[in-house]
Amino acid sequence: MFTMMYTEGIDNYFDPQHNSMFVSGSHKIEDLWDDIILPFNQLEKSTRYKTADTMYKQNEKNIKYVFGHSLSGVLVNHLNNNHKSLQRKRVQIYNSPLTALDTVHKNVKDKSNYLDVISMLDSHAKRQAPNINIFKNHFSYIVPPAA
């Protein structure tokens, strides 16, 4: 799903067949601002957060799974922290720049590849074997069959 989203430039996608919401990471020039404000805890003011928040609210009753990659892993984690209803759903994030200062609830499964430079400080992540190609390493994610 993420490959299609990056190829077609899609930020957020709701898959009603699998009751899943996907939020892609940085892939547009506008996303650089969100990357810059990330360390200053201002993500909730970003357009990316606001559009993901709107999608979640519009589909809240139908969503069972939420997936985020890279920057959107942090964004999805913020959504999870701000919506009690989301904390009863499954959240999976991949290769995200979370830090030890981020609150991560039990419903969040955080995976990262060894050698991934974007998520190297993520102390919450369960580490997976790296891809030898550094670029592919960051863009490797396995979405569970249920989603």
N, C-alpha and C. Protein backbone atom coordinates (compact mmCIF):
# COMPACT_ATOMS: atom_id res chain seq x y z
N MET A 1 0.82 -1.19 0.00
CA MET A 1 0.00 0.00 0.00
C MET A 1 0.87 1.26 0.00
N PHE A 2 1.93 1.27 0.85
CA PHE A 2 2.78 2.45 0.91
C PHE A 2 3.46 2.72 -0.43
N THR A 3 3.88 1.67 -1.11
CA THR A 3 4.54 1.87 -2.41
C THR A 3 3.61 2.59 -3.37
N MET A 4 2.35 2.18 -3.42
CA MET A 4 1.36 2.85 -4.28
C MET A 4 1.18 4.30 -3.84
N MET A 5 1.12 4.54 -2.54
CA MET A 5 0.91 5.89 -2.04
C MET A 5 2.07 6.81 -2.41
N TYR A 6 3.30 6.31 -2.25
CA TYR A 6 4.46 7.14 -2.61
C TYR A 6 4.51 7.37 -4.12
N THR A 7 4.22 6.34 -4.89
CA THR A 7 4.24 6.46 -6.35
C THR A 7 3.23 7.49 -6.84
N GLU A 8 2.04 7.49 -6.23
CA GLU A 8 0.97 8.38 -6.66
C GLU A 8 0.89 9.68 -5.85
N GLY A 9 1.80 9.88 -4.90
CA GLY A 9 1.83 11.11 -4.12
C GLY A 9 0.67 11.27 -3.15
N ILE A 10 0.21 10.17 -2.58
CA ILE A 10 -0.94 10.20 -1.67
C ILE A 10 -0.45 10.29 -0.23
N ASP A 11 -1.01 11.23 0.52
CA ASP A 11 -0.62 11.41 1.93
C ASP A 11 -1.33 10.42 2.85
N ASN A 12 -2.65 10.33 2.71
CA ASN A 12 -3.48 9.49 3.58
C ASN A 12 -4.40 8.64 2.71
N TYR A 13 -4.63 7.42 3.16
CA TYR A 13 -5.50 6.54 2.40
C TYR A 13 -6.29 5.66 3.37
N PHE A 14 -7.61 5.60 3.17
CA PHE A 14 -8.44 4.69 3.96
C PHE A 14 -8.87 3.54 3.06
N ASP A 15 -8.56 2.33 3.49
CA ASP A 15 -8.92 1.12 2.74
C ASP A 15 -10.12 0.48 3.44
N PRO A 16 -11.34 0.72 2.92
CA PRO A 16 -12.54 0.21 3.60
C PRO A 16 -12.63 -1.31 3.58
N GLN A 17 -12.02 -1.95 2.60
CA GLN A 17 -12.05 -3.41 2.52
C GLN A 17 -11.34 -4.05 3.71
N HIS A 18 -10.27 -3.41 4.16
CA HIS A 18 -9.48 -3.95 5.27
C HIS A 18 -9.59 -3.11 6.54
N ASN A 19 -10.48 -2.13 6.54
CA ASN A 19 -10.67 -1.25 7.69
C ASN A 19 -9.35 -0.65 8.17
N SER A 20 -8.55 -0.21 7.22
CA SER A 20 -7.21 0.27 7.52
C SER A 20 -6.96 1.67 7.00
N MET A 21 -6.27 2.45 7.80
CA MET A 21 -5.86 3.79 7.41
C MET A 21 -4.34 3.80 7.29
N PHE A 22 -3.85 4.34 6.19
CA PHE A 22 -2.42 4.42 5.93
C PHE A 22 -2.02 5.89 5.82
N VAL A 23 -0.90 6.24 6.43
CA VAL A 23 -0.38 7.61 6.34
C VAL A 23 1.07 7.50 5.89
N SER A 24 1.37 8.08 4.73
CA SER A 24 2.73 7.98 4.18
C SER A 24 3.64 9.01 4.81
N GLY A 25 4.92 8.76 4.71
CA GLY A 25 5.92 9.67 5.25
C GLY A 25 6.20 10.82 4.29
N SER A 26 7.26 11.52 4.54
CA SER A 26 7.64 12.68 3.72
C SER A 26 7.88 12.26 2.28
N HIS A 27 7.19 12.94 1.35
CA HIS A 27 7.41 12.64 -0.06
C HIS A 27 7.14 13.84 -0.96
N LYS A 28 6.81 14.97 -0.37
CA LYS A 28 6.56 16.19 -1.15
C LYS A 28 7.41 17.31 -0.56
N ILE A 29 7.66 18.32 -1.35
CA ILE A 29 8.46 19.46 -0.89
C ILE A 29 7.81 20.12 0.34
N GLU A 30 6.47 20.15 0.38
CA GLU A 30 5.76 20.76 1.51
C GLU A 30 6.03 20.00 2.82
N ASP A 31 6.37 18.73 2.70
CA ASP A 31 6.61 17.91 3.89
C ASP A 31 7.89 18.32 4.63
N LEU A 32 8.76 19.05 3.97
CA LEU A 32 9.99 19.49 4.63
C LEU A 32 9.70 20.32 5.86
N TRP A 33 8.65 21.15 5.80
CA TRP A 33 8.28 21.97 6.95
C TRP A 33 7.91 21.06 8.13
N ASP A 34 7.16 20.02 7.87
CA ASP A 34 6.78 19.10 8.94
C ASP A 34 8.01 18.40 9.52
N ASP A 35 8.98 18.11 8.67
CA ASP A 35 10.22 17.50 9.14
C ASP A 35 11.00 18.47 10.05
N ILE A 36 10.98 19.75 9.68
CA ILE A 36 11.71 20.76 10.44
C ILE A 36 11.08 21.00 11.81
N ILE A 37 9.74 21.05 11.87
CA ILE A 37 9.08 21.36 13.14
C ILE A 37 8.98 20.15 14.08
N LEU A 38 9.29 18.98 13.59
CA LEU A 38 9.18 17.76 14.39
C LEU A 38 9.88 17.85 15.75
N PRO A 39 11.13 18.30 15.82
CA PRO A 39 11.80 18.35 17.14
C PRO A 39 11.21 19.39 18.10
N PHE A 40 10.39 20.29 17.58
CA PHE A 40 9.85 21.37 18.41
C PHE A 40 8.43 21.08 18.90
N ASN A 41 8.01 19.83 18.75
CA ASN A 41 6.69 19.39 19.23
C ASN A 41 5.55 20.25 18.67
N GLN A 42 5.65 20.58 17.39
CA GLN A 42 4.63 21.39 16.73
C GLN A 42 3.89 20.62 15.64
N LEU A 43 4.04 19.31 15.62
CA LEU A 43 3.48 18.49 14.55
C LEU A 43 1.97 18.64 14.41
N GLU A 44 1.27 18.84 15.51
CA GLU A 44 -0.19 18.95 15.46
C GLU A 44 -0.66 20.19 14.71
N LYS A 45 0.22 21.14 14.50
CA LYS A 45 -0.13 22.35 13.74
C LYS A 45 0.10 22.17 12.25
N SER A 46 0.70 21.05 11.86
CA SER A 46 1.04 20.84 10.46
C SER A 46 -0.16 20.40 9.64
N THR A 47 -0.11 20.68 8.36
CA THR A 47 -1.17 20.26 7.44
C THR A 47 -1.28 18.75 7.41
N ARG A 48 -0.14 18.05 7.41
CA ARG A 48 -0.16 16.58 7.37
C ARG A 48 -0.91 16.00 8.57
N TYR A 49 -0.66 16.55 9.76
CA TYR A 49 -1.35 16.07 10.95
C TYR A 49 -2.85 16.35 10.84
N LYS A 50 -3.17 17.57 10.44
CA LYS A 50 -4.59 17.97 10.36
C LYS A 50 -5.37 17.12 9.37
N THR A 51 -4.77 16.79 8.22
CA THR A 51 -5.49 15.97 7.24
C THR A 51 -5.64 14.53 7.72
N ALA A 52 -4.61 14.00 8.39
CA ALA A 52 -4.71 12.65 8.94
C ALA A 52 -5.74 12.61 10.07
N ASP A 53 -5.77 13.64 10.88
CA ASP A 53 -6.73 13.74 11.98
C ASP A 53 -8.16 13.77 11.43
N THR A 54 -8.37 14.54 10.37
CA THR A 54 -9.69 14.62 9.74
C THR A 54 -10.10 13.27 9.17
N MET A 55 -9.16 12.59 8.49
CA MET A 55 -9.48 11.27 7.93
C MET A 55 -9.85 10.29 9.04
N TYR A 56 -9.10 10.33 10.13
CA TYR A 56 -9.40 9.42 11.24
C TYR A 56 -10.79 9.72 11.79
N LYS A 57 -11.10 10.97 12.03
CA LYS A 57 -12.41 11.33 12.59
C LYS A 57 -13.55 10.93 11.66
N GLN A 58 -13.36 11.09 10.36
CA GLN A 58 -14.40 10.74 9.39
C GLN A 58 -14.64 9.24 9.29
N ASN A 59 -13.62 8.45 9.58
CA ASN A 59 -13.72 6.99 9.42
C ASN A 59 -13.52 6.22 10.72
N GLU A 60 -13.55 6.92 11.82
CA GLU A 60 -13.21 6.35 13.13
C GLU A 60 -13.92 5.03 13.43
N LYS A 61 -15.19 4.96 13.15
CA LYS A 61 -15.96 3.75 13.46
C LYS A 61 -15.58 2.56 12.59
N ASN A 62 -15.03 2.83 11.43
CA ASN A 62 -14.68 1.76 10.49
C ASN A 62 -13.21 1.34 10.55
N ILE A 63 -12.39 2.13 11.21
CA ILE A 63 -10.95 1.85 11.25
C ILE A 63 -10.62 0.87 12.37
N LYS A 64 -9.87 -0.18 12.00
CA LYS A 64 -9.36 -1.15 12.97
C LYS A 64 -7.84 -1.07 13.07
N TYR A 65 -7.21 -0.66 11.96
CA TYR A 65 -5.76 -0.62 11.88
C TYR A 65 -5.31 0.73 11.33
N VAL A 66 -4.21 1.25 11.88
CA VAL A 66 -3.61 2.47 11.36
C VAL A 66 -2.12 2.19 11.17
N PHE A 67 -1.62 2.52 9.98
CA PHE A 67 -0.22 2.29 9.63
C PHE A 67 0.44 3.61 9.27
N GLY A 68 1.66 3.80 9.75
CA GLY A 68 2.42 5.00 9.41
C GLY A 68 3.86 4.65 9.12
N HIS A 69 4.47 5.41 8.21
CA HIS A 69 5.86 5.19 7.83
C HIS A 69 6.64 6.49 7.95
N SER A 70 7.83 6.40 8.49
CA SER A 70 8.76 7.52 8.58
C SER A 70 8.14 8.66 9.38
N LEU A 71 8.12 9.87 8.82
CA LEU A 71 7.53 11.01 9.54
C LEU A 71 6.12 10.70 10.02
N SER A 72 5.36 10.00 9.20
CA SER A 72 3.97 9.74 9.59
C SER A 72 3.86 8.76 10.75
N GLY A 73 4.91 8.01 11.03
CA GLY A 73 4.90 7.18 12.23
C GLY A 73 4.80 8.04 13.47
N VAL A 74 5.53 9.14 13.49
CA VAL A 74 5.45 10.09 14.60
C VAL A 74 4.08 10.74 14.60
N LEU A 75 3.61 11.11 13.43
CA LEU A 75 2.29 11.73 13.28
C LEU A 75 1.19 10.79 13.79
N VAL A 76 1.24 9.53 13.39
CA VAL A 76 0.24 8.54 13.82
C VAL A 76 0.34 8.32 15.33
N ASN A 77 1.56 8.32 15.85
CA ASN A 77 1.72 8.18 17.30
C ASN A 77 1.08 9.36 18.03
N HIS A 78 1.21 10.57 17.49
CA HIS A 78 0.55 11.75 18.08
C HIS A 78 -0.97 11.60 18.00
N LEU A 79 -1.46 11.13 16.87
CA LEU A 79 -2.91 10.87 16.76
C LEU A 79 -3.35 9.90 17.84
N ASN A 80 -2.59 8.85 18.02
CA ASN A 80 -2.89 7.82 19.01
C ASN A 80 -2.93 8.42 20.42
N ASN A 81 -2.00 9.31 20.71
CA ASN A 81 -1.95 9.93 22.03
C ASN A 81 -3.12 10.90 22.24
N ASN A 82 -3.65 11.45 21.16
CA ASN A 82 -4.71 12.45 21.27
C ASN A 82 -6.12 11.89 21.13
N HIS A 83 -6.26 10.64 20.71
CA HIS A 83 -7.58 10.02 20.52
C HIS A 83 -7.66 8.73 21.33
N LYS A 84 -8.41 8.76 22.41
CA LYS A 84 -8.58 7.56 23.25
C LYS A 84 -9.14 6.41 22.44
N SER A 85 -10.03 6.71 21.48
CA SER A 85 -10.64 5.65 20.67
C SER A 85 -9.59 4.93 19.82
N LEU A 86 -8.57 5.64 19.39
CA LEU A 86 -7.51 5.03 18.58
C LEU A 86 -6.67 4.08 19.43
N GLN A 87 -6.59 4.33 20.70
CA GLN A 87 -5.79 3.49 21.60
C GLN A 87 -6.40 2.09 21.79
N ARG A 88 -7.62 1.90 21.27
CA ARG A 88 -8.25 0.57 21.31
C ARG A 88 -8.10 -0.15 19.96
N LYS A 89 -7.35 0.45 19.07
CA LYS A 89 -7.13 -0.13 17.74
C LYS A 89 -5.65 -0.50 17.59
N ARG A 90 -5.34 -1.17 16.51
CA ARG A 90 -3.95 -1.58 16.26
C ARG A 90 -3.25 -0.49 15.45
N VAL A 91 -2.11 -0.05 15.95
CA VAL A 91 -1.31 0.96 15.27
C VAL A 91 0.07 0.36 15.00
N GLN A 92 0.50 0.44 13.75
CA GLN A 92 1.80 -0.11 13.34
C GLN A 92 2.58 1.01 12.67
N ILE A 93 3.78 1.27 13.18
CA ILE A 93 4.61 2.29 12.54
C ILE A 93 5.95 1.67 12.15
N TYR A 94 6.51 2.22 11.06
CA TYR A 94 7.73 1.68 10.46
C TYR A 94 8.78 2.77 10.29
N ASN A 95 10.00 2.49 10.71
CA ASN A 95 11.15 3.36 10.45
C ASN A 95 10.85 4.84 10.72
N SER A 96 10.36 5.10 11.92
CA SER A 96 9.96 6.45 12.30
C SER A 96 10.95 7.08 13.27
N PRO A 97 11.08 8.40 13.21
CA PRO A 97 12.03 9.08 14.08
C PRO A 97 11.47 9.38 15.48
N LEU A 98 10.91 8.36 16.13
CA LEU A 98 10.49 8.55 17.52
C LEU A 98 11.73 8.62 18.40
N THR A 99 11.58 9.24 19.56
CA THR A 99 12.70 9.30 20.51
C THR A 99 12.23 8.78 21.86
N ALA A 100 13.13 8.69 22.79
CA ALA A 100 12.80 8.24 24.13
C ALA A 100 11.81 9.19 24.81
N LEU A 101 11.72 10.42 24.35
CA LEU A 101 10.80 11.41 24.93
C LEU A 101 9.36 11.23 24.48
N ASP A 102 9.14 10.45 23.41
CA ASP A 102 7.79 10.23 22.89
C ASP A 102 7.05 9.20 23.73
N THR A 103 5.78 9.49 24.03
CA THR A 103 4.92 8.53 24.71
C THR A 103 4.37 7.56 23.68
N VAL A 104 4.55 6.28 23.93
CA VAL A 104 4.06 5.26 23.01
C VAL A 104 3.18 4.29 23.81
N HIS A 105 1.91 4.20 23.44
CA HIS A 105 0.97 3.33 24.14
C HIS A 105 1.14 1.88 23.72
N LYS A 106 0.57 0.97 24.50
CA LYS A 106 0.73 -0.47 24.27
C LYS A 106 0.14 -0.94 22.94
N ASN A 107 -0.81 -0.21 22.38
CA ASN A 107 -1.42 -0.63 21.12
C ASN A 107 -0.54 -0.32 19.91
N VAL A 108 0.56 0.38 20.13
CA VAL A 108 1.46 0.76 19.03
C VAL A 108 2.58 -0.26 18.89
N LYS A 109 2.71 -0.81 17.70
CA LYS A 109 3.82 -1.69 17.37
C LYS A 109 4.77 -0.88 16.49
N ASP A 110 5.96 -0.72 16.96
CA ASP A 110 6.95 0.14 16.32
C ASP A 110 8.09 -0.74 15.80
N LYS A 111 8.27 -0.76 14.49
CA LYS A 111 9.34 -1.57 13.90
C LYS A 111 10.30 -0.67 13.14
N SER A 112 11.55 -1.04 13.22
CA SER A 112 12.58 -0.29 12.53
C SER A 112 13.67 -1.25 12.09
N ASN A 113 14.34 -0.91 11.02
CA ASN A 113 15.43 -1.73 10.53
C ASN A 113 16.76 -1.24 11.10
N TYR A 114 17.61 -2.18 11.46
CA TYR A 114 18.97 -1.80 11.81
C TYR A 114 19.54 -1.04 10.62
N LEU A 115 20.35 -0.08 10.88
CA LEU A 115 21.04 0.74 9.87
C LEU A 115 20.13 1.79 9.21
N ASP A 116 18.88 1.91 9.64
CA ASP A 116 18.02 2.96 9.09
C ASP A 116 18.36 4.27 9.78
N VAL A 117 18.84 5.25 9.01
CA VAL A 117 19.30 6.51 9.60
C VAL A 117 18.15 7.37 10.13
N ILE A 118 16.97 7.26 9.55
CA ILE A 118 15.82 8.07 9.99
C ILE A 118 15.35 7.63 11.38
N SER A 119 15.36 6.35 11.63
CA SER A 119 14.82 5.84 12.89
C SER A 119 15.89 5.37 13.86
N MET A 120 17.12 5.78 13.65
CA MET A 120 18.21 5.24 14.47
C MET A 120 18.11 5.61 15.95
N LEU A 121 17.40 6.68 16.29
CA LEU A 121 17.26 7.08 17.69
C LEU A 121 15.99 6.55 18.33
N ASP A 122 15.22 5.77 17.59
CA ASP A 122 13.95 5.26 18.08
C ASP A 122 14.20 4.14 19.09
N SER A 123 14.08 4.48 20.36
CA SER A 123 14.34 3.50 21.42
C SER A 123 13.15 2.58 21.67
N HIS A 124 12.00 2.88 21.07
CA HIS A 124 10.80 2.07 21.26
C HIS A 124 10.71 0.92 20.26
N ALA A 125 11.47 1.00 19.18
CA ALA A 125 11.29 0.09 18.05
C ALA A 125 11.83 -1.31 18.30
N LYS A 126 11.13 -2.26 17.73
CA LYS A 126 11.65 -3.62 17.63
C LYS A 126 12.46 -3.63 16.33
N ARG A 127 13.71 -3.97 16.41
CA ARG A 127 14.61 -3.92 15.26
C ARG A 127 14.49 -5.16 14.40
N GLN A 128 14.55 -4.93 13.09
CA GLN A 128 14.49 -6.00 12.09
C GLN A 128 15.80 -6.01 11.33
N ALA A 129 16.05 -7.10 10.65
CA ALA A 129 17.28 -7.21 9.84
C ALA A 129 17.29 -6.13 8.77
N PRO A 130 18.45 -5.53 8.52
CA PRO A 130 18.53 -4.46 7.53
C PRO A 130 18.59 -4.97 6.09
N ASN A 131 18.21 -4.10 5.20
CA ASN A 131 18.43 -4.33 3.78
C ASN A 131 19.81 -3.76 3.49
N ILE A 132 20.59 -4.40 2.69
CA ILE A 132 21.94 -3.93 2.41
C ILE A 132 21.92 -2.59 1.69
N ASN A 133 20.93 -2.37 0.85
CA ASN A 133 20.77 -1.09 0.17
C ASN A 133 20.20 -0.09 1.18
N ILE A 134 20.96 0.94 1.54
CA ILE A 134 20.55 1.90 2.58
C ILE A 134 19.23 2.58 2.22
N PHE A 135 19.02 2.95 0.95
CA PHE A 135 17.77 3.60 0.55
C PHE A 135 16.59 2.64 0.70
N LYS A 136 16.76 1.42 0.23
CA LYS A 136 15.68 0.43 0.36
C LYS A 136 15.44 0.07 1.82
N ASN A 137 16.49 0.18 2.63
CA ASN A 137 16.37 -0.13 4.04
C ASN A 137 15.28 0.71 4.70
N HIS A 138 15.25 2.01 4.39
CA HIS A 138 14.24 2.89 4.99
C HIS A 138 12.85 2.61 4.43
N PHE A 139 12.78 2.18 3.20
CA PHE A 139 11.49 1.93 2.56
C PHE A 139 11.09 0.46 2.59
N SER A 140 11.55 -0.25 3.60
CA SER A 140 11.12 -1.65 3.74
C SER A 140 10.14 -1.72 4.91
N TYR A 141 8.96 -2.20 4.61
CA TYR A 141 7.91 -2.33 5.61
C TYR A 141 7.06 -3.49 5.20
N ILE A 142 6.61 -4.22 6.19
CA ILE A 142 5.77 -5.38 5.93
C ILE A 142 4.43 -5.14 6.59
N VAL A 143 3.42 -4.94 5.79
CA VAL A 143 2.07 -4.74 6.33
C VAL A 143 1.47 -6.12 6.56
N PRO A 144 0.98 -6.37 7.77
CA PRO A 144 0.43 -7.70 8.09
C PRO A 144 -0.69 -8.10 7.11
N PRO A 145 -0.85 -9.38 6.86
CA PRO A 145 -1.87 -9.86 5.92
C PRO A 145 -3.29 -9.42 6.27
N ALA A 146 -3.57 -9.23 7.56
CA ALA A 146 -4.92 -8.80 7.97
C ALA A 146 -5.25 -7.42 7.44
N ALA A 147 -4.24 -6.67 7.09
CA ALA A 147 -4.48 -5.31 6.60
C ALA A 147 -3.97 -5.20 5.21
